[in-house]
Amino acid sequence: MSKSEKSRETEKNVSKKLPIYQHKDKLIQAVKENTFLIVTGETGSGKTTQLPQYLYKAGLCRNGRIGVTQPRRVAAITVAQRVSHEMGVRLGEEVGYQVRFDDCSTK
């Protein structure tokens, strides 16, 4: 197992300890049943990094995109880097970001 694969495996184990993990199935179902949904929770609970991955794995991006907004440029880039790393994909392909004057995404 490569260093990168070990890192992702450790992150998967850590992500199961985040508060959002216990609500994973309920959140996926709520997204399927509702046109509009607001998810609130404590900082560090996994809303920004884990929820998009749950929705992606549940096949909820087939007809569109999963968007996550961030109030700061650095936060948007950092979140995209982290999620792409956790998913084991190249930044800018399945996971990307778009901030003013910088678009790291594909069609």
Protein backbone atom coordinates (compact mmCIF):
# COMPACT_ATOMS: atom_id res chain seq x y z
CA MET A 1 0.00 0.00 0.00
CA SER A 2 1.43 3.36 -1.03
CA LYS A 3 1.81 6.31 1.34
CA SER A 4 -1.08 8.08 -0.42
CA GLU A 5 -3.35 5.04 -0.06
CA LYS A 6 -2.46 4.71 3.64
CA SER A 7 -3.23 8.39 4.15
CA ARG A 8 -6.66 8.05 2.51
CA GLU A 9 -7.43 4.92 4.58
CA THR A 10 -6.56 6.80 7.79
CA GLU A 11 -8.76 9.71 6.68
CA LYS A 12 -11.67 7.31 6.06
CA ASN A 13 -11.37 5.99 9.60
CA VAL A 14 -11.20 9.52 11.00
CA SER A 15 -14.19 10.63 8.90
CA LYS A 16 -16.31 7.89 10.49
CA LYS A 17 -15.70 9.57 13.85
CA LEU A 18 -17.05 12.94 12.69
CA PRO A 19 -20.52 13.90 14.00
CA ILE A 20 -22.03 13.98 10.50
CA TYR A 21 -21.27 10.28 9.90
CA GLN A 22 -24.07 9.07 12.18
CA HIS A 23 -26.56 11.06 10.07
CA LYS A 24 -25.22 9.97 6.67
CA ASP A 25 -28.23 7.91 5.55
CA LYS A 26 -30.76 10.44 6.86
CA LEU A 27 -28.98 13.27 5.04
CA ILE A 28 -28.85 11.39 1.73
CA GLN A 29 -32.57 10.60 2.04
CA ALA A 30 -33.38 14.23 2.92
CA VAL A 31 -31.52 15.46 -0.18
CA LYS A 32 -33.43 12.97 -2.34
CA GLU A 33 -36.78 14.07 -0.91
CA ASN A 34 -36.28 17.84 -0.87
CA THR A 35 -35.62 20.46 -3.50
CA PHE A 36 -33.96 22.73 -0.96
CA LEU A 37 -32.15 21.70 2.21
CA ILE A 38 -30.10 23.61 4.77
CA VAL A 39 -27.67 21.60 6.88
CA THR A 40 -26.33 23.20 10.02
CA GLY A 41 -23.81 21.88 12.51
CA GLU A 42 -20.76 22.69 14.53
CA THR A 43 -17.49 23.69 12.91
CA GLY A 44 -15.48 20.57 12.18
CA SER A 45 -18.50 18.26 12.05
CA GLY A 46 -17.88 17.25 8.41
CA LYS A 47 -20.57 19.28 6.63
CA THR A 48 -18.23 20.72 4.02
CA THR A 49 -15.86 17.81 3.40
CA GLN A 50 -17.95 14.70 4.04
CA LEU A 51 -21.47 15.56 2.88
CA PRO A 52 -20.44 16.19 -0.75
CA GLN A 53 -18.66 12.82 -0.77
CA TYR A 54 -21.74 11.06 0.62
CA LEU A 55 -23.92 12.63 -2.07
CA TYR A 56 -21.43 11.82 -4.83
CA LYS A 57 -21.17 8.18 -3.74
CA ALA A 58 -24.98 7.97 -3.55
CA GLY A 59 -25.12 8.97 -7.22
CA LEU A 60 -26.75 12.34 -6.63
CA CYS A 61 -24.55 14.26 -9.03
CA ARG A 62 -25.51 12.43 -12.23
CA ASN A 63 -27.81 15.22 -13.43
CA GLY A 64 -25.74 18.13 -12.24
CA ARG A 65 -23.11 19.18 -9.77
CA ILE A 66 -22.66 19.25 -6.06
CA GLY A 67 -21.67 22.76 -5.03
CA VAL A 68 -20.15 23.89 -1.77
CA THR A 69 -19.78 27.59 -1.10
CA GLN A 70 -17.05 29.07 1.05
CA PRO A 71 -16.76 32.70 2.16
CA ARG A 72 -13.00 32.86 1.60
CA ARG A 73 -10.86 32.09 -1.42
CA VAL A 74 -8.28 30.08 0.54
CA ALA A 75 -11.04 28.05 2.23
CA ALA A 76 -12.58 27.12 -1.13
CA ILE A 77 -9.25 25.96 -2.53
CA THR A 78 -8.26 24.08 0.64
CA VAL A 79 -11.60 22.26 0.86
CA ALA A 80 -11.39 21.20 -2.79
CA GLN A 81 -7.83 19.95 -2.28
CA ARG A 82 -8.81 17.97 0.81
CA VAL A 83 -11.90 16.39 -0.74
CA SER A 84 -10.06 15.45 -3.94
CA HIS A 85 -7.29 13.89 -1.84
CA GLU A 86 -9.77 11.95 0.31
CA MET A 87 -11.55 10.69 -2.81
CA GLY A 88 -8.28 9.80 -4.49
CA VAL A 89 -8.99 11.89 -7.58
CA ARG A 90 -7.03 14.59 -9.34
CA LEU A 91 -7.94 18.14 -8.34
CA GLY A 92 -9.84 19.83 -11.14
CA GLU A 93 -11.52 16.70 -12.46
CA GLU A 94 -14.23 15.12 -10.27
CA VAL A 95 -13.48 17.70 -7.59
CA GLY A 96 -12.58 21.27 -8.43
CA TYR A 97 -13.03 24.84 -7.36
CA GLN A 98 -13.80 28.17 -8.90
CA VAL A 99 -12.81 31.45 -7.28
CA ARG A 100 -12.30 34.89 -8.74
CA PHE A 101 -9.66 34.75 -11.51
CA ASP A 102 -9.01 31.03 -10.90
CA ASP A 103 -11.05 28.14 -12.29
CA CYS A 104 -9.75 24.68 -11.48
CA SER A 105 -12.59 22.60 -12.89
CA THR A 106 -13.65 20.81 -16.04
CA LYS A 107 -16.93 20.80 -17.94
